[in-house]
N, C-alpha and C. Protein backbone atom coordinates (compact mmCIF):
# COMPACT_ATOMS: atom_id res chain seq x y z
N MET A 1 146.44 29.72 80.27
CA MET A 1 146.29 30.11 81.64
C MET A 1 145.49 31.41 81.68
N ALA A 2 144.46 31.44 82.47
CA ALA A 2 143.60 32.61 82.56
C ALA A 2 144.22 33.66 83.48
N ALA A 3 143.96 34.89 83.18
CA ALA A 3 144.45 36.00 84.00
C ALA A 3 143.31 36.98 84.23
N VAL A 4 143.32 37.60 85.38
CA VAL A 4 142.32 38.60 85.70
C VAL A 4 143.01 39.96 85.71
N HIS A 5 142.47 40.89 84.96
CA HIS A 5 143.01 42.24 84.91
C HIS A 5 142.06 43.15 85.69
N LEU A 6 142.55 43.71 86.77
CA LEU A 6 141.73 44.61 87.57
C LEU A 6 141.88 46.02 87.02
N VAL A 7 140.76 46.63 86.74
CA VAL A 7 140.75 47.98 86.20
C VAL A 7 140.03 48.87 87.20
N THR A 8 140.68 49.93 87.60
CA THR A 8 140.05 50.85 88.54
C THR A 8 139.03 51.70 87.80
N PRO A 9 137.77 51.65 88.23
CA PRO A 9 136.75 52.45 87.55
C PRO A 9 136.96 53.94 87.83
N PRO A 10 136.53 54.78 86.91
CA PRO A 10 136.65 56.22 87.15
C PRO A 10 135.76 56.63 88.31
N PRO A 11 136.14 57.67 89.03
CA PRO A 11 135.30 58.10 90.16
C PRO A 11 133.93 58.56 89.66
N VAL A 12 132.92 58.19 90.40
CA VAL A 12 131.55 58.51 90.02
C VAL A 12 130.93 59.29 91.17
N GLN A 13 130.15 60.29 90.81
CA GLN A 13 129.43 61.02 91.84
C GLN A 13 128.38 60.09 92.44
N PRO A 14 128.36 59.95 93.76
CA PRO A 14 127.37 59.06 94.37
C PRO A 14 125.95 59.60 94.16
N LEU A 15 125.03 58.67 93.99
CA LEU A 15 123.63 59.06 93.87
C LEU A 15 123.16 59.61 95.21
N SER A 16 122.34 60.59 95.16
CA SER A 16 121.83 61.18 96.39
C SER A 16 120.34 60.89 96.49
N ILE A 17 119.90 60.57 97.68
CA ILE A 17 118.47 60.33 97.86
C ILE A 17 117.69 61.64 97.80
N LEU A 18 118.42 62.76 97.74
CA LEU A 18 117.76 64.05 97.68
C LEU A 18 117.41 64.46 96.25
N THR A 19 117.95 63.76 95.26
CA THR A 19 117.64 64.12 93.88
C THR A 19 116.32 63.49 93.46
N GLU A 20 115.67 64.14 92.51
CA GLU A 20 114.36 63.66 92.06
C GLU A 20 114.47 62.35 91.28
N GLU A 21 115.59 62.14 90.56
CA GLU A 21 115.69 60.94 89.73
C GLU A 21 116.10 59.70 90.52
N PHE A 22 116.59 59.85 91.75
CA PHE A 22 117.06 58.68 92.50
C PHE A 22 115.98 57.61 92.68
N PRO A 23 114.78 57.95 93.16
CA PRO A 23 113.76 56.89 93.33
C PRO A 23 113.43 56.17 92.02
N GLU A 24 113.41 56.91 90.90
CA GLU A 24 113.11 56.27 89.61
C GLU A 24 114.23 55.33 89.20
N LYS A 25 115.49 55.77 89.36
CA LYS A 25 116.63 54.92 89.00
C LYS A 25 116.68 53.69 89.90
N LEU A 26 116.43 53.88 91.18
CA LEU A 26 116.45 52.75 92.12
C LEU A 26 115.34 51.75 91.79
N ALA A 27 114.16 52.26 91.45
CA ALA A 27 113.05 51.37 91.10
C ALA A 27 113.37 50.56 89.84
N ALA A 28 113.96 51.21 88.82
CA ALA A 28 114.33 50.50 87.59
C ALA A 28 115.40 49.46 87.87
N PHE A 29 116.40 49.83 88.65
CA PHE A 29 117.50 48.93 88.99
C PHE A 29 116.98 47.71 89.76
N ASN A 30 116.19 47.95 90.80
CA ASN A 30 115.65 46.85 91.61
C ASN A 30 114.67 45.99 90.81
N GLY A 31 113.84 46.62 89.99
CA GLY A 31 112.88 45.87 89.19
C GLY A 31 113.56 44.95 88.20
N LEU A 32 114.58 45.45 87.50
CA LEU A 32 115.30 44.62 86.54
C LEU A 32 116.04 43.49 87.26
N THR A 33 116.66 43.81 88.38
CA THR A 33 117.36 42.78 89.16
C THR A 33 116.40 41.67 89.58
N ARG A 34 115.25 42.06 90.08
CA ARG A 34 114.24 41.09 90.52
C ARG A 34 113.76 40.24 89.35
N ASP A 35 113.45 40.88 88.22
CA ASP A 35 112.97 40.14 87.05
C ASP A 35 114.02 39.18 86.51
N MET A 36 115.29 39.59 86.52
CA MET A 36 116.37 38.71 86.06
C MET A 36 116.49 37.48 86.96
N ARG A 37 116.44 37.70 88.24
CA ARG A 37 116.54 36.57 89.18
C ARG A 37 115.36 35.62 89.04
N GLU A 38 114.17 36.17 88.82
CA GLU A 38 112.97 35.33 88.68
C GLU A 38 113.06 34.37 87.51
N VAL A 39 113.72 34.78 86.41
CA VAL A 39 113.82 33.91 85.24
C VAL A 39 115.08 33.05 85.26
N GLY A 40 115.91 33.19 86.30
CA GLY A 40 117.07 32.32 86.45
C GLY A 40 118.39 32.85 85.94
N ILE A 41 118.47 34.14 85.60
CA ILE A 41 119.73 34.73 85.16
C ILE A 41 120.65 34.86 86.38
N VAL A 42 121.89 34.41 86.23
CA VAL A 42 122.86 34.45 87.33
C VAL A 42 123.48 35.84 87.38
N ILE A 43 123.27 36.53 88.49
CA ILE A 43 123.83 37.86 88.68
C ILE A 43 125.12 37.73 89.48
N LYS A 44 126.21 38.26 88.91
CA LYS A 44 127.53 38.18 89.55
C LYS A 44 127.76 39.34 90.50
N ALA A 45 127.29 40.54 90.14
CA ALA A 45 127.51 41.72 90.98
C ALA A 45 126.47 42.79 90.65
N LEU A 46 126.17 43.61 91.65
CA LEU A 46 125.27 44.75 91.49
C LEU A 46 126.04 46.00 91.89
N VAL A 47 126.07 47.01 91.02
CA VAL A 47 126.78 48.25 91.33
C VAL A 47 125.80 49.40 91.11
N LEU A 48 125.08 49.76 92.17
CA LEU A 48 124.06 50.80 92.07
C LEU A 48 124.67 52.14 91.71
N SER A 49 125.84 52.47 92.25
CA SER A 49 126.45 53.78 91.98
C SER A 49 126.76 53.98 90.50
N ASP A 50 127.08 52.89 89.78
CA ASP A 50 127.32 52.96 88.33
C ASP A 50 126.08 52.58 87.53
N HIS A 51 125.03 52.16 88.22
CA HIS A 51 123.78 51.74 87.59
C HIS A 51 124.04 50.55 86.65
N LYS A 52 124.79 49.54 87.17
CA LYS A 52 125.16 48.38 86.36
C LYS A 52 124.88 47.08 87.10
N ILE A 53 124.45 46.09 86.33
CA ILE A 53 124.25 44.73 86.81
C ILE A 53 125.19 43.84 86.01
N PHE A 54 126.05 43.10 86.70
CA PHE A 54 126.99 42.19 86.05
C PHE A 54 126.39 40.80 86.07
N VAL A 55 126.31 40.16 84.90
CA VAL A 55 125.70 38.84 84.79
C VAL A 55 126.73 37.82 84.31
N ASP A 56 126.43 36.56 84.59
CA ASP A 56 127.27 35.45 84.14
C ASP A 56 127.08 35.26 82.64
N PRO A 57 128.18 35.11 81.88
CA PRO A 57 128.05 34.92 80.42
C PRO A 57 127.22 33.70 80.04
N HIS A 58 127.14 32.71 80.91
CA HIS A 58 126.34 31.52 80.61
C HIS A 58 124.84 31.81 80.64
N SER A 59 124.46 32.97 81.15
CA SER A 59 123.05 33.36 81.20
C SER A 59 122.61 34.19 80.00
N LEU A 60 123.50 34.39 79.03
CA LEU A 60 123.19 35.29 77.91
C LEU A 60 122.05 34.81 77.04
N ASP A 61 121.95 33.50 76.82
CA ASP A 61 120.86 32.98 75.99
C ASP A 61 119.52 33.30 76.65
N LEU A 62 119.44 33.06 77.94
CA LEU A 62 118.23 33.36 78.70
C LEU A 62 117.96 34.86 78.72
N LEU A 63 119.01 35.65 78.89
CA LEU A 63 118.89 37.11 78.89
C LEU A 63 118.33 37.61 77.56
N SER A 64 118.86 37.09 76.45
CA SER A 64 118.39 37.56 75.14
C SER A 64 116.96 37.11 74.85
N ARG A 65 116.59 35.91 75.29
CA ARG A 65 115.22 35.45 75.05
C ARG A 65 114.21 36.24 75.88
N ARG A 66 114.56 36.51 77.13
CA ARG A 66 113.61 37.17 78.03
C ARG A 66 113.60 38.70 77.89
N PHE A 67 114.77 39.30 77.65
CA PHE A 67 114.86 40.76 77.65
C PHE A 67 115.32 41.35 76.32
N GLY A 68 115.45 40.53 75.28
CA GLY A 68 115.93 41.01 73.99
C GLY A 68 115.09 42.14 73.41
N HIS A 69 113.79 42.09 73.61
CA HIS A 69 112.92 43.14 73.08
C HIS A 69 113.06 44.46 73.83
N GLU A 70 113.74 44.44 74.98
CA GLU A 70 113.94 45.65 75.78
C GLU A 70 115.33 46.27 75.60
N LEU A 71 116.17 45.66 74.77
CA LEU A 71 117.52 46.19 74.54
C LEU A 71 117.44 47.55 73.87
N ARG A 72 118.20 48.49 74.40
CA ARG A 72 118.22 49.83 73.83
C ARG A 72 119.60 50.25 73.36
N GLY A 73 120.60 49.44 73.56
CA GLY A 73 121.94 49.77 73.09
C GLY A 73 122.93 48.71 73.54
N MET A 74 123.94 48.48 72.70
CA MET A 74 124.99 47.52 73.05
C MET A 74 126.33 48.11 72.69
N ARG A 75 127.32 47.84 73.52
CA ARG A 75 128.68 48.27 73.23
C ARG A 75 129.66 47.25 73.78
N CYS A 76 130.84 47.24 73.20
CA CYS A 76 131.88 46.29 73.60
C CYS A 76 133.21 47.02 73.64
N ILE A 77 133.95 46.84 74.73
CA ILE A 77 135.25 47.47 74.89
C ILE A 77 136.25 46.39 75.29
N ALA A 78 137.36 46.29 74.56
CA ALA A 78 138.41 45.32 74.90
C ALA A 78 139.21 45.85 76.09
N GLU A 79 139.38 45.00 77.08
CA GLU A 79 140.18 45.31 78.26
C GLU A 79 141.15 44.16 78.46
N GLY A 80 142.34 44.29 77.87
CA GLY A 80 143.30 43.19 77.92
C GLY A 80 142.79 42.03 77.08
N ARG A 81 142.74 40.85 77.68
CA ARG A 81 142.25 39.67 76.96
C ARG A 81 140.75 39.48 77.07
N LEU A 82 140.09 40.38 77.79
CA LEU A 82 138.65 40.28 77.97
C LEU A 82 137.94 41.40 77.23
N ALA A 83 136.73 41.11 76.81
CA ALA A 83 135.85 42.12 76.22
C ALA A 83 134.75 42.40 77.22
N ARG A 84 134.57 43.67 77.54
CA ARG A 84 133.51 44.09 78.45
C ARG A 84 132.31 44.47 77.58
N ASN A 85 131.27 43.65 77.64
CA ASN A 85 130.06 43.86 76.85
C ASN A 85 129.01 44.51 77.74
N THR A 86 128.37 45.55 77.23
CA THR A 86 127.34 46.24 77.99
C THR A 86 126.11 46.43 77.12
N ALA A 87 124.96 46.06 77.66
CA ALA A 87 123.68 46.29 77.00
C ALA A 87 122.84 47.15 77.94
N THR A 88 122.06 48.05 77.38
CA THR A 88 121.17 48.88 78.20
C THR A 88 119.77 48.29 78.13
N ILE A 89 119.24 47.96 79.30
CA ILE A 89 117.89 47.42 79.42
C ILE A 89 117.19 48.23 80.51
N ARG A 90 116.07 48.85 80.16
CA ARG A 90 115.30 49.67 81.10
C ARG A 90 116.15 50.79 81.71
N GLY A 91 117.12 51.27 80.97
CA GLY A 91 117.98 52.34 81.46
C GLY A 91 119.10 51.88 82.38
N VAL A 92 119.24 50.57 82.55
CA VAL A 92 120.27 49.99 83.42
C VAL A 92 121.31 49.30 82.55
N GLY A 93 122.58 49.48 82.86
CA GLY A 93 123.65 48.79 82.13
C GLY A 93 123.77 47.35 82.60
N VAL A 94 123.67 46.41 81.68
CA VAL A 94 123.85 44.99 81.98
C VAL A 94 125.18 44.58 81.36
N VAL A 95 126.10 44.10 82.20
CA VAL A 95 127.49 43.88 81.78
C VAL A 95 127.86 42.41 81.92
N TRP A 96 128.65 41.91 80.93
CA TRP A 96 129.25 40.58 81.03
C TRP A 96 130.59 40.62 80.32
N PHE A 97 131.46 39.71 80.69
CA PHE A 97 132.80 39.64 80.11
C PHE A 97 132.94 38.39 79.27
N THR A 98 133.62 38.53 78.12
CA THR A 98 133.93 37.40 77.25
C THR A 98 135.40 37.52 76.85
N LEU A 99 135.97 36.42 76.38
CA LEU A 99 137.34 36.46 75.89
C LEU A 99 137.39 37.21 74.57
N VAL A 100 138.45 37.99 74.37
CA VAL A 100 138.64 38.68 73.09
C VAL A 100 139.04 37.63 72.07
N LYS A 101 138.42 37.68 70.90
CA LYS A 101 138.73 36.71 69.85
C LYS A 101 139.97 37.16 69.11
N GLU A 102 140.85 36.20 68.83
CA GLU A 102 142.08 36.48 68.09
C GLU A 102 141.75 36.70 66.62
N GLN A 103 142.47 37.61 65.98
CA GLN A 103 142.29 37.87 64.56
C GLN A 103 143.05 36.82 63.76
N ASP A 104 142.44 36.32 62.68
CA ASP A 104 143.14 35.39 61.78
C ASP A 104 144.18 36.15 60.99
N LYS A 105 145.36 35.52 60.80
CA LYS A 105 146.44 36.19 60.05
C LYS A 105 146.47 35.70 58.63
C-alpha cells in the first residue's frame, strides 16, 4: 500500500523583482521549463521560490538523453519510503521521487 509523506519545506526568502539576479534566475527557470515541455518531459510542479522543477519519474530517460550533458550535480535524500532525487540543470533544481530500495540482509 502506497503512502504519501508530506514534508513541510523550510521557509525561504521570497525572490524580489528588485534584485539584480531575479531576471536571470527567472529566465533560466522559464527557459528550462519551456525546453522540457517541448521534448515531452512531464512536469508535475513548478516552484519558482525554491528554484525547482518537479518532473514525473517516467520522464527520466528522456531527461537524461536530452539534458544529460547539462547536469551539474546530483543528490539523493531519503524521506520515509521515498527518495527525493535532485539534479541541477542550468542552475535550476530538477526533482523527482523514487521508492527507497530495501537493503538485502
